[in-house]
Every structure is written in C-alpha cells, then in structure tokens.
Amino acid sequence: MKLLVTRPEPDASRQARDLEGIGLNTVVEPLMDIQFSERENLDLGGVQALIATSRNGLRALERMPELESARALPLIAVGPASAQKARELGFGTVHEGPGTAEGLVAIVQANTSAQQGVVLHLAGASLASDLKGTLEALGYDVQQPVLYRASRSAGLSQPLQAALRSGEIGGVVLMSPRTARIYRELLKKADLMQSVRDVVHYCLSQAVAARLEGGSFENVRVCDRPREDDLLALIARETAD
C-alpha cells in the first residue's frame, strides 16, 4: 500500500521514514506550512509553568533568546512527541499528557496551582480547543502568545491528484482536525471525492475522524489512543502481509 502523509514538515518526512521502516511506500504532501513568529522576546515574568500542545510551539521557543531561562520552568506537554522534544531542548521537568488538549487540563491541575502564577501556552494562531478558556474558568491566569502560524495549501498537486484518480494511493494519514478539514476541502475542489471512496483514512483521534463525516469516506480507522506511535501500530497491523 502507498500512503499519503499530510502533516507539515519537518514531521511529514520523519513520519514517512517511520512508515517506510515498516515496509510501506509513501507520498509526502503537507497540507499546511508552518511559519514562526518574528517576535523578539517572550515575557516569562511570573510564569510558573509552560504548556506545549504541539512540537511547533517548542520549535518556535527554540529560536528565541528566552529558551535558556524557559528550561528552568516545568513544561507540560500534550503527549509523548511534545514531551520528547522538550527533553531534547533541555527541559529538566516535563509532565506528559495523554495526547489531547482536553486531557491536558488534569495534568495542569495536578502539577500547578491557580494561585501560584501564570501558565504560558506556547500557542499557534489556530487552536483545536479552547484550553485557555477552560483553564481560566478554573481560576488560572493563562498567557497565550502566538508563536507560529500554519498556512494551508491552496490545492493538491497535479501528481497527487493523478495518483488519487488512478487508485495508486491506498491510505491517507491525518493527524489533526484542521488537516482533515483542509484535506476534505481540497478533495472537493479537485473533484476527487469519489476517487477516495475505497481509500483507508487513518486518523489520530475521533476529533480528526469527525471532520470526514458526511463525505465519501467509507474506510476510516481511528487508533485507541491519540498518540502517533499507536496510529503507526494500527497501520502496521492493518497492512501486514
């Protein structure tokens, strides 16, 4: 089976290598492009902990002079991938969440106090959930500076369109609700909805799969936990000879 990898770089190429490592062919076509903020500083005054719901927030911090000071703070990561990136950047205290922003709230509450200072979310311009609003309703002071933006692709490339029409693509990997929505919209724009009826869509979570509901998506798979390793394991099981 040939799989389409849709996530932004550099994660797309890394995921493609992981898939090729289990014997699958891949086509890489990111549906979003990440641009980091040009802001020159990050105010860490009064901050008790940082929150990362994406590796891109950490990549943005990596480019900033405050990284060294930030390493002294606890870092609450949405899941294992963000936690690993934080450790690579030198964070000594990393609390790992279950893989969703909703599940992260309990981790924040267990490791911080609403009375002990600001929690700073290393955020992008487009967010899948209102983590800030949820925490503020619990009494937290939340700062959410925009450190990166994800711009969407204007359309599917001609080679990819041809591959989808010919049935060359047997599976699509979708890692976020926004990516799934963009994918669906670009299929419709290219008049390719019927071409993907038999394609297997591997979704990281139910929230991702929900963006495909009501379309020509008859084969949707969702892993038990919203973790990339679990999704890759699901793909490996389903594609094993």
Protein backbone atom coordinates (compact mmCIF):
# COMPACT_ATOMS: atom_id res chain seq x y z
CA MET A 1 0.00 0.00 0.00
CA LYS A 2 1.12 3.54 -0.74
CA LEU A 3 0.23 6.04 1.98
CA LEU A 4 -0.26 9.80 1.69
CA VAL A 5 1.39 11.75 4.52
CA THR A 6 -0.32 15.11 5.00
CA ARG A 7 1.21 16.74 8.09
CA PRO A 8 3.53 19.77 7.97
CA GLU A 9 7.30 19.49 7.69
CA PRO A 10 9.61 18.50 9.30
CA ASP A 11 7.25 15.96 10.87
CA ALA A 12 5.99 14.77 7.49
CA SER A 13 9.36 13.47 6.33
CA ARG A 14 10.04 11.86 9.69
CA GLN A 15 6.66 10.12 9.66
CA ALA A 16 7.28 8.94 6.09
CA ARG A 17 10.58 7.38 7.19
CA ASP A 18 8.81 5.60 10.03
CA LEU A 19 6.20 4.23 7.63
CA GLU A 20 8.83 3.15 5.15
CA GLY A 21 10.58 1.41 8.03
CA ILE A 22 7.61 -0.96 8.32
CA GLY A 23 7.67 -1.67 4.59
CA LEU A 24 5.22 0.90 3.23
CA ASN A 25 5.64 3.31 0.35
CA THR A 26 4.73 6.93 0.95
CA VAL A 27 3.83 10.13 -0.83
CA VAL A 28 4.56 13.28 1.19
CA GLU A 29 2.39 16.30 0.55
CA PRO A 30 1.99 18.62 3.55
CA LEU A 31 -1.36 20.38 3.55
CA MET A 32 -0.08 23.12 5.86
CA ASP A 33 3.13 25.12 6.11
CA ILE A 34 4.45 26.40 9.46
CA GLN A 35 5.72 29.97 9.79
CA PHE A 36 7.27 31.03 13.07
CA SER A 37 6.56 34.38 14.66
CA GLU A 38 9.09 37.17 14.27
CA ARG A 39 8.53 38.32 17.86
CA GLU A 40 11.84 39.13 19.54
CA ASN A 41 11.09 38.12 23.11
CA LEU A 42 8.86 36.12 25.38
CA ASP A 43 7.84 37.51 28.77
CA LEU A 44 8.46 34.81 31.38
CA GLY A 45 7.92 37.10 34.37
CA GLY A 46 5.63 35.45 36.90
CA VAL A 47 5.31 32.28 34.83
CA GLN A 48 5.08 29.10 36.90
CA ALA A 49 4.91 26.60 34.02
CA LEU A 50 4.82 26.31 30.24
CA ILE A 51 2.31 24.32 28.19
CA ALA A 52 3.12 22.82 24.79
CA THR A 53 0.28 21.38 22.73
CA SER A 54 2.49 20.98 19.65
CA ARG A 55 6.14 20.46 18.84
CA ASN A 56 5.86 23.60 16.73
CA GLY A 57 5.43 25.72 19.86
CA LEU A 58 8.67 24.27 21.17
CA ARG A 59 10.39 24.78 17.83
CA ALA A 60 9.35 28.43 18.00
CA LEU A 61 10.76 28.72 21.53
CA GLU A 62 13.97 27.08 20.32
CA ARG A 63 14.55 30.11 18.08
CA MET A 64 14.13 32.62 20.91
CA PRO A 65 16.67 34.00 23.42
CA GLU A 66 14.39 33.03 26.34
CA LEU A 67 14.95 29.31 25.77
CA GLU A 68 17.70 29.11 28.38
CA SER A 69 15.51 30.74 31.05
CA ALA A 70 12.49 28.69 29.99
CA ARG A 71 14.37 25.43 30.61
CA ALA A 72 14.23 26.15 34.35
CA LEU A 73 10.42 26.02 34.29
CA PRO A 74 8.24 22.90 34.33
CA LEU A 75 6.94 22.03 30.87
CA ILE A 76 3.54 20.38 30.49
CA ALA A 77 3.38 18.58 27.14
CA VAL A 78 0.22 17.40 25.42
CA GLY A 79 1.69 13.98 24.62
CA PRO A 80 4.85 11.94 24.12
CA ALA A 81 6.05 13.67 20.95
CA SER A 82 5.97 17.13 22.53
CA ALA A 83 7.46 15.74 25.74
CA GLN A 84 10.35 14.21 23.81
CA LYS A 85 11.01 17.50 22.01
CA ALA A 86 11.03 19.35 25.35
CA ARG A 87 13.58 16.94 26.78
CA GLU A 88 15.72 17.35 23.66
CA LEU A 89 15.68 21.11 24.30
CA GLY A 90 16.98 20.58 27.82
CA PHE A 91 13.87 20.90 29.96
CA GLY A 92 14.50 19.15 33.26
CA THR A 93 10.91 18.82 34.41
CA VAL A 94 8.49 17.54 31.77
CA HIS A 95 4.96 16.37 32.56
CA GLU A 96 3.45 14.28 29.77
CA GLY A 97 -0.24 14.44 28.92
CA PRO A 98 -2.49 11.87 27.27
CA GLY A 99 -2.32 13.30 23.75
CA THR A 100 -5.29 15.68 23.73
CA ALA A 101 -5.69 19.27 24.89
CA GLU A 102 -8.82 18.25 26.79
CA GLY A 103 -6.92 15.57 28.71
CA LEU A 104 -4.15 18.03 29.44
CA VAL A 105 -6.28 20.02 31.89
CA ALA A 106 -5.97 17.37 34.61
CA ILE A 107 -2.19 17.29 34.13
CA VAL A 108 -2.03 21.06 34.54
CA GLN A 109 -4.12 20.91 37.71
CA ALA A 110 -2.00 18.10 39.16
CA ASN A 111 1.29 19.93 38.65
CA THR A 112 0.46 23.62 39.10
CA SER A 113 -1.74 25.85 41.23
CA ALA A 114 -4.06 28.57 40.02
CA GLN A 115 -2.75 30.76 42.85
CA GLN A 116 0.96 30.39 42.10
CA GLY A 117 1.37 32.39 38.92
CA VAL A 118 0.87 32.43 35.18
CA VAL A 119 0.81 29.37 32.94
CA LEU A 120 2.07 30.21 29.47
CA HIS A 121 0.82 28.27 26.46
CA LEU A 122 3.29 28.13 23.55
CA ALA A 123 0.46 28.52 21.08
CA GLY A 124 -0.22 28.69 17.38
CA ALA A 125 -2.64 31.06 15.70
CA SER A 126 -5.19 28.29 15.11
CA LEU A 127 -6.10 26.06 18.04
CA ALA A 128 -8.17 22.88 18.07
CA SER A 129 -9.62 23.58 21.53
CA ASP A 130 -10.09 26.45 23.97
CA LEU A 131 -7.53 25.34 26.53
CA LYS A 132 -7.08 28.93 27.72
CA GLY A 133 -10.80 29.37 28.37
CA THR A 134 -11.05 26.05 30.19
CA LEU A 135 -8.14 26.85 32.49
CA GLU A 136 -9.31 30.41 33.12
CA ALA A 137 -12.69 29.02 34.20
CA LEU A 138 -10.73 27.06 36.82
CA GLY A 139 -9.11 30.24 38.10
CA TYR A 140 -5.83 30.16 36.17
CA ASP A 141 -4.06 33.17 34.71
CA VAL A 142 -3.19 31.99 31.19
CA GLN A 143 -0.99 33.76 28.67
CA GLN A 144 -1.20 32.53 25.09
CA PRO A 145 1.23 34.38 22.80
CA VAL A 146 1.04 33.32 19.16
CA LEU A 147 4.43 31.82 18.32
CA TYR A 148 3.62 30.26 14.94
CA ARG A 149 1.03 30.13 12.20
CA ALA A 150 0.04 27.32 9.88
CA SER A 151 -0.96 28.39 6.38
CA ARG A 152 -2.99 25.96 4.32
CA SER A 153 -2.20 24.60 0.90
CA ALA A 154 -4.07 26.24 -1.96
CA GLY A 155 -4.63 22.93 -3.70
CA LEU A 156 -3.47 19.37 -4.20
CA SER A 157 -0.53 18.97 -6.55
CA GLN A 158 -1.22 17.58 -10.01
CA PRO A 159 0.88 14.42 -9.38
CA LEU A 160 -1.12 13.71 -6.21
CA GLN A 161 -4.42 14.29 -7.98
CA ALA A 162 -3.37 11.83 -10.67
CA ALA A 163 -2.30 9.27 -8.05
CA LEU A 164 -5.64 9.54 -6.27
CA ARG A 165 -7.63 9.22 -9.50
CA SER A 166 -5.68 6.15 -10.58
CA GLY A 167 -6.07 4.39 -7.23
CA GLU A 168 -2.35 4.47 -6.55
CA ILE A 169 -2.92 5.86 -3.05
CA GLY A 170 -4.34 3.22 -0.73
CA GLY A 171 -4.26 5.13 2.55
CA VAL A 172 -4.11 8.64 3.98
CA VAL A 173 -2.66 9.60 7.37
CA LEU A 174 -4.45 12.51 9.08
CA MET A 175 -3.00 13.90 12.30
CA SER A 176 -5.19 16.89 13.20
CA PRO A 177 -8.78 18.10 12.77
CA ARG A 178 -7.60 21.09 10.77
CA THR A 179 -5.57 18.91 8.40
CA ALA A 180 -8.58 16.64 7.90
CA ARG A 181 -10.81 19.62 7.12
CA ILE A 182 -8.31 21.03 4.62
CA TYR A 183 -7.91 17.59 3.02
CA ARG A 184 -11.65 17.26 2.56
CA GLU A 185 -12.00 20.77 1.13
CA LEU A 186 -9.15 20.26 -1.34
CA LEU A 187 -10.57 16.92 -2.49
CA LYS A 188 -13.88 18.63 -3.20
CA LYS A 189 -12.13 21.47 -5.01
CA ALA A 190 -10.33 18.97 -7.26
CA ASP A 191 -13.49 16.86 -7.79
CA LEU A 192 -11.82 13.88 -6.15
CA MET A 193 -14.36 12.87 -3.53
CA GLN A 194 -15.47 9.77 -5.40
CA SER A 195 -11.85 8.77 -6.05
CA VAL A 196 -11.20 8.24 -2.34
CA ARG A 197 -14.21 6.04 -1.55
CA ASP A 198 -12.02 2.95 -1.19
CA VAL A 199 -9.03 4.73 0.37
CA VAL A 200 -8.36 3.93 4.04
CA HIS A 201 -8.13 7.07 6.17
CA TYR A 202 -6.02 6.63 9.30
CA CYS A 203 -6.99 9.29 11.87
CA LEU A 204 -5.13 10.12 15.07
CA SER A 205 -8.34 10.71 17.04
CA GLN A 206 -12.10 10.79 16.87
CA ALA A 207 -11.89 14.59 16.58
CA VAL A 208 -9.89 14.12 13.36
CA ALA A 209 -12.27 11.48 12.02
CA ALA A 210 -15.26 13.74 12.73
CA ARG A 211 -14.04 16.16 10.06
CA LEU A 212 -14.57 13.42 7.46
CA GLU A 213 -18.16 12.63 8.40
CA GLY A 214 -20.79 13.08 5.74
CA GLY A 215 -18.44 12.64 2.80
CA SER A 216 -17.26 9.82 0.57
CA PHE A 217 -15.11 8.30 3.31
CA GLU A 218 -16.19 4.71 3.78
CA ASN A 219 -12.98 3.40 5.36
CA VAL A 220 -11.96 5.43 8.41
CA ARG A 221 -9.72 4.00 11.13
CA VAL A 222 -9.04 5.62 14.49
CA CYS A 223 -6.43 4.40 16.95
CA ASP A 224 -7.36 3.66 20.57
CA ARG A 225 -5.23 6.49 21.95
CA PRO A 226 -4.34 9.78 20.21
CA ARG A 227 -0.64 9.01 20.00
CA GLU A 228 1.40 8.77 16.84
CA ASP A 229 3.04 5.50 17.92
CA ASP A 230 -0.39 3.95 18.37
CA LEU A 231 -1.50 5.16 14.95
CA LEU A 232 1.61 3.71 13.33
CA ALA A 233 0.99 0.43 15.14
CA LEU A 234 -2.57 0.37 13.81
CA ILE A 235 -1.31 0.99 10.26
CA ALA A 236 1.31 -1.73 10.66
CA ARG A 237 -1.30 -4.27 11.81
CA GLU A 238 -3.73 -3.45 9.01
CA THR A 239 -1.13 -3.51 6.25
CA ALA A 240 0.80 -6.59 7.36
CA ASP A 241 1.09 -9.24 4.68
